[in-house]
């Protein structure tokens, strides 16, 4: 009887762990953000320096960020040294970084799965902004 109870308990624990792992992996990595969550957005470019976003720029960038698509996990944080960065600091103290790296752009964040994650995404306005930030100023 005790042996059956032990086997049943182990099977039940294995099922619970499996269900948890499946559901944890289903959490989308590209979670939308709202203006109310954002403390600051800072733009940094190799040749353009550092600039904090205005309220209007925040609204526009958040709209672009939330419309990003073709999300691909970057499990090993592969990429190149970024030429431009958009840093989003949330009121919760968490951060999101958007980097010009590779063909599209890379997002690193620690507010989704309680660990730092990296993924690639596409969004034409963000790609253009990152390219502009990393280009030399026009005379």
C-alpha atoms as a PDB file:
ATOM      1  CA  UNK A   1       0.000   0.000   0.000  1.00  0.00           C
ATOM      2  CA  UNK A   2       2.792   2.435   0.894  1.00  0.00           C
ATOM      3  CA  UNK A   3       4.607   1.589  -2.316  1.00  0.00           C
ATOM      4  CA  UNK A   4       1.488   2.437  -4.377  1.00  0.00           C
ATOM      5  CA  UNK A   5       1.066   5.717  -2.484  1.00  0.00           C
ATOM      6  CA  UNK A   6       4.713   6.622  -3.095  1.00  0.00           C
ATOM      7  CA  UNK A   7       4.452   5.837  -6.822  1.00  0.00           C
ATOM      8  CA  UNK A   8       1.197   7.813  -7.083  1.00  0.00           C
ATOM      9  CA  UNK A   9       2.814  10.792  -5.316  1.00  0.00           C
ATOM     10  CA  UNK A  10       5.846  10.749  -7.610  1.00  0.00           C
ATOM     11  CA  UNK A  11       3.679  10.531 -10.730  1.00  0.00           C
ATOM     12  CA  UNK A  12       1.497  13.390  -9.475  1.00  0.00           C
ATOM     13  CA  UNK A  13       4.555  15.568  -8.791  1.00  0.00           C
ATOM     14  CA  UNK A  14       5.942  14.776 -12.268  1.00  0.00           C
ATOM     15  CA  UNK A  15       2.615  15.754 -13.883  1.00  0.00           C
ATOM     16  CA  UNK A  16       2.448  19.028 -11.923  1.00  0.00           C
ATOM     17  CA  UNK A  17       6.028  19.928 -12.899  1.00  0.00           C
ATOM     18  CA  UNK A  18       5.347  19.086 -16.558  1.00  0.00           C
ATOM     19  CA  UNK A  19       2.182  21.212 -16.656  1.00  0.00           C
ATOM     20  CA  UNK A  20       4.028  24.121 -15.018  1.00  0.00           C
ATOM     21  CA  UNK A  21       6.928  23.910 -17.500  1.00  0.00           C
ATOM     22  CA  UNK A  22       4.588  23.783 -20.507  1.00  0.00           C
ATOM     23  CA  UNK A  23       2.624  26.803 -19.301  1.00  0.00           C
ATOM     24  CA  UNK A  24       5.794  28.729 -18.354  1.00  0.00           C
ATOM     25  CA  UNK A  25       7.186  28.249 -21.862  1.00  0.00           C
ATOM     26  CA  UNK A  26       3.932  29.537 -23.382  1.00  0.00           C
ATOM     27  CA  UNK A  27       4.347  32.966 -21.782  1.00  0.00           C
ATOM     28  CA  UNK A  28       4.889  35.249 -24.771  1.00  0.00           C
ATOM     29  CA  UNK A  29       8.327  36.818 -24.762  1.00  0.00           C
ATOM     30  CA  UNK A  30       7.225  40.007 -26.542  1.00  0.00           C
ATOM     31  CA  UNK A  31       4.869  41.501 -23.985  1.00  0.00           C
ATOM     32  CA  UNK A  32       3.326  44.886 -24.884  1.00  0.00           C
ATOM     33  CA  UNK A  33       4.077  47.886 -22.674  1.00  0.00           C
ATOM     34  CA  UNK A  34       1.870  50.861 -21.834  1.00  0.00           C
ATOM     35  CA  UNK A  35       2.743  54.523 -21.384  1.00  0.00           C
ATOM     36  CA  UNK A  36       1.715  54.241 -17.723  1.00  0.00           C
ATOM     37  CA  UNK A  37       4.404  51.585 -17.132  1.00  0.00           C
ATOM     38  CA  UNK A  38       7.239  53.632 -18.646  1.00  0.00           C
ATOM     39  CA  UNK A  39       9.441  55.891 -16.531  1.00  0.00           C
ATOM     40  CA  UNK A  40      11.892  56.992 -19.238  1.00  0.00           C
ATOM     41  CA  UNK A  41      12.988  56.153 -22.758  1.00  0.00           C
ATOM     42  CA  UNK A  42      16.520  57.153 -23.732  1.00  0.00           C
ATOM     43  CA  UNK A  43      17.948  57.096 -27.260  1.00  0.00           C
ATOM     44  CA  UNK A  44      21.694  56.532 -27.723  1.00  0.00           C
ATOM     45  CA  UNK A  45      23.599  56.530 -30.989  1.00  0.00           C
ATOM     46  CA  UNK A  46      27.277  56.190 -31.788  1.00  0.00           C
ATOM     47  CA  UNK A  47      27.404  59.587 -33.492  1.00  0.00           C
ATOM     48  CA  UNK A  48      24.261  61.206 -32.083  1.00  0.00           C
ATOM     49  CA  UNK A  49      24.935  60.956 -28.359  1.00  0.00           C
ATOM     50  CA  UNK A  50      22.238  60.526 -25.685  1.00  0.00           C
ATOM     51  CA  UNK A  51      18.738  62.006 -25.752  1.00  0.00           C
ATOM     52  CA  UNK A  52      15.759  61.405 -23.464  1.00  0.00           C
ATOM     53  CA  UNK A  53      12.471  60.928 -25.309  1.00  0.00           C
ATOM     54  CA  UNK A  54       9.775  63.579 -25.108  1.00  0.00           C
ATOM     55  CA  UNK A  55       6.239  62.563 -24.148  1.00  0.00           C
ATOM     56  CA  UNK A  56       5.245  62.550 -27.828  1.00  0.00           C
ATOM     57  CA  UNK A  57       8.249  60.383 -28.743  1.00  0.00           C
ATOM     58  CA  UNK A  58       7.393  57.970 -25.908  1.00  0.00           C
ATOM     59  CA  UNK A  59       3.831  57.538 -27.188  1.00  0.00           C
ATOM     60  CA  UNK A  60       5.041  56.968 -30.753  1.00  0.00           C
ATOM     61  CA  UNK A  61       7.812  54.546 -29.736  1.00  0.00           C
ATOM     62  CA  UNK A  62       5.516  52.475 -27.486  1.00  0.00           C
ATOM     63  CA  UNK A  63       3.068  52.110 -30.394  1.00  0.00           C
ATOM     64  CA  UNK A  64       5.909  50.903 -32.626  1.00  0.00           C
ATOM     65  CA  UNK A  65       7.297  48.592 -29.934  1.00  0.00           C
ATOM     66  CA  UNK A  66       3.920  46.945 -29.362  1.00  0.00           C
ATOM     67  CA  UNK A  67       3.494  46.332 -33.104  1.00  0.00           C
ATOM     68  CA  UNK A  68       6.818  44.474 -33.493  1.00  0.00           C
ATOM     69  CA  UNK A  69       6.459  41.101 -35.203  1.00  0.00           C
ATOM     70  CA  UNK A  70       8.457  38.067 -36.365  1.00  0.00           C
ATOM     71  CA  UNK A  71       9.626  37.442 -32.797  1.00  0.00           C
ATOM     72  CA  UNK A  72      12.525  34.966 -32.604  1.00  0.00           C
ATOM     73  CA  UNK A  73      14.129  33.877 -29.351  1.00  0.00           C
ATOM     74  CA  UNK A  74      17.851  34.687 -29.094  1.00  0.00           C
ATOM     75  CA  UNK A  75      18.587  32.053 -26.471  1.00  0.00           C
ATOM     76  CA  UNK A  76      22.357  32.574 -26.403  1.00  0.00           C
ATOM     77  CA  UNK A  77      22.300  36.399 -26.726  1.00  0.00           C
ATOM     78  CA  UNK A  78      24.050  36.205 -30.107  1.00  0.00           C
ATOM     79  CA  UNK A  79      24.576  39.453 -31.949  1.00  0.00           C
ATOM     80  CA  UNK A  80      26.984  42.214 -32.760  1.00  0.00           C
ATOM     81  CA  UNK A  81      28.111  45.205 -30.729  1.00  0.00           C
ATOM     82  CA  UNK A  82      25.173  47.613 -31.029  1.00  0.00           C
ATOM     83  CA  UNK A  83      25.653  50.874 -32.908  1.00  0.00           C
ATOM     84  CA  UNK A  84      22.570  52.370 -31.313  1.00  0.00           C
ATOM     85  CA  UNK A  85      20.424  51.604 -28.277  1.00  0.00           C
ATOM     86  CA  UNK A  86      16.983  52.527 -27.031  1.00  0.00           C
ATOM     87  CA  UNK A  87      16.744  52.040 -23.273  1.00  0.00           C
ATOM     88  CA  UNK A  88      13.318  51.785 -21.643  1.00  0.00           C
ATOM     89  CA  UNK A  89      13.172  52.051 -17.870  1.00  0.00           C
ATOM     90  CA  UNK A  90       9.891  50.885 -16.383  1.00  0.00           C
ATOM     91  CA  UNK A  91       8.370  52.313 -13.204  1.00  0.00           C
ATOM     92  CA  UNK A  92       8.719  48.820 -11.706  1.00  0.00           C
ATOM     93  CA  UNK A  93      12.511  49.175 -11.941  1.00  0.00           C
ATOM     94  CA  UNK A  94      12.737  46.633 -14.768  1.00  0.00           C
ATOM     95  CA  UNK A  95      14.469  47.545 -18.030  1.00  0.00           C
ATOM     96  CA  UNK A  96      14.047  46.841 -21.711  1.00  0.00           C
ATOM     97  CA  UNK A  97      16.857  47.413 -24.195  1.00  0.00           C
ATOM     98  CA  UNK A  98      16.375  47.678 -27.958  1.00  0.00           C
ATOM     99  CA  UNK A  99      19.631  47.282 -29.895  1.00  0.00           C
ATOM    100  CA  UNK A 100      20.649  47.798 -33.516  1.00  0.00           C
ATOM    101  CA  UNK A 101      22.387  44.490 -33.992  1.00  0.00           C
ATOM    102  CA  UNK A 102      22.238  42.321 -37.079  1.00  0.00           C
ATOM    103  CA  UNK A 103      19.593  42.625 -39.789  1.00  0.00           C
ATOM    104  CA  UNK A 104      16.621  43.546 -37.614  1.00  0.00           C
ATOM    105  CA  UNK A 105      16.931  44.545 -33.981  1.00  0.00           C
ATOM    106  CA  UNK A 106      17.425  42.774 -30.690  1.00  0.00           C
ATOM    107  CA  UNK A 107      15.346  43.248 -27.556  1.00  0.00           C
ATOM    108  CA  UNK A 108      16.630  42.308 -24.109  1.00  0.00           C
ATOM    109  CA  UNK A 109      14.307  42.503 -21.137  1.00  0.00           C
ATOM    110  CA  UNK A 110      13.938  41.187 -17.609  1.00  0.00           C
ATOM    111  CA  UNK A 111      10.247  41.870 -17.040  1.00  0.00           C
ATOM    112  CA  UNK A 112       8.681  38.826 -18.722  1.00  0.00           C
ATOM    113  CA  UNK A 113       9.949  35.551 -17.257  1.00  0.00           C
ATOM    114  CA  UNK A 114      11.782  36.831 -14.158  1.00  0.00           C
ATOM    115  CA  UNK A 115      15.080  36.442 -15.980  1.00  0.00           C
ATOM    116  CA  UNK A 116      16.915  38.347 -18.687  1.00  0.00           C
ATOM    117  CA  UNK A 117      15.772  37.219 -22.135  1.00  0.00           C
ATOM    118  CA  UNK A 118      16.821  38.231 -25.626  1.00  0.00           C
ATOM    119  CA  UNK A 119      14.929  38.023 -28.897  1.00  0.00           C
ATOM    120  CA  UNK A 120      14.971  39.406 -32.421  1.00  0.00           C
ATOM    121  CA  UNK A 121      12.056  41.371 -33.841  1.00  0.00           C
ATOM    122  CA  UNK A 122      11.033  43.422 -36.856  1.00  0.00           C
ATOM    123  CA  UNK A 123       9.310  46.796 -37.039  1.00  0.00           C
ATOM    124  CA  UNK A 124      10.186  49.248 -39.819  1.00  0.00           C
ATOM    125  CA  UNK A 125       9.916  52.462 -37.767  1.00  0.00           C
ATOM    126  CA  UNK A 126      12.152  51.128 -34.981  1.00  0.00           C
ATOM    127  CA  UNK A 127      14.653  49.835 -37.551  1.00  0.00           C
ATOM    128  CA  UNK A 128      14.749  53.301 -39.183  1.00  0.00           C
ATOM    129  CA  UNK A 129      15.124  55.063 -35.818  1.00  0.00           C
ATOM    130  CA  UNK A 130      18.013  52.790 -34.809  1.00  0.00           C
ATOM    131  CA  UNK A 131      19.678  53.356 -38.200  1.00  0.00           C
ATOM    132  CA  UNK A 132      19.265  57.141 -37.850  1.00  0.00           C
ATOM    133  CA  UNK A 133      20.720  57.058 -34.325  1.00  0.00           C
ATOM    134  CA  UNK A 134      23.821  55.240 -35.549  1.00  0.00           C
ATOM    135  CA  UNK A 135      24.447  57.449 -38.594  1.00  0.00           C
ATOM    136  CA  UNK A 136      26.693  60.492 -38.692  1.00  0.00           C
ATOM    137  CA  UNK A 137      24.954  63.854 -38.313  1.00  0.00           C
ATOM    138  CA  UNK A 138      24.198  65.569 -41.559  1.00  0.00           C
ATOM    139  CA  UNK A 139      26.079  68.815 -42.041  1.00  0.00           C
END
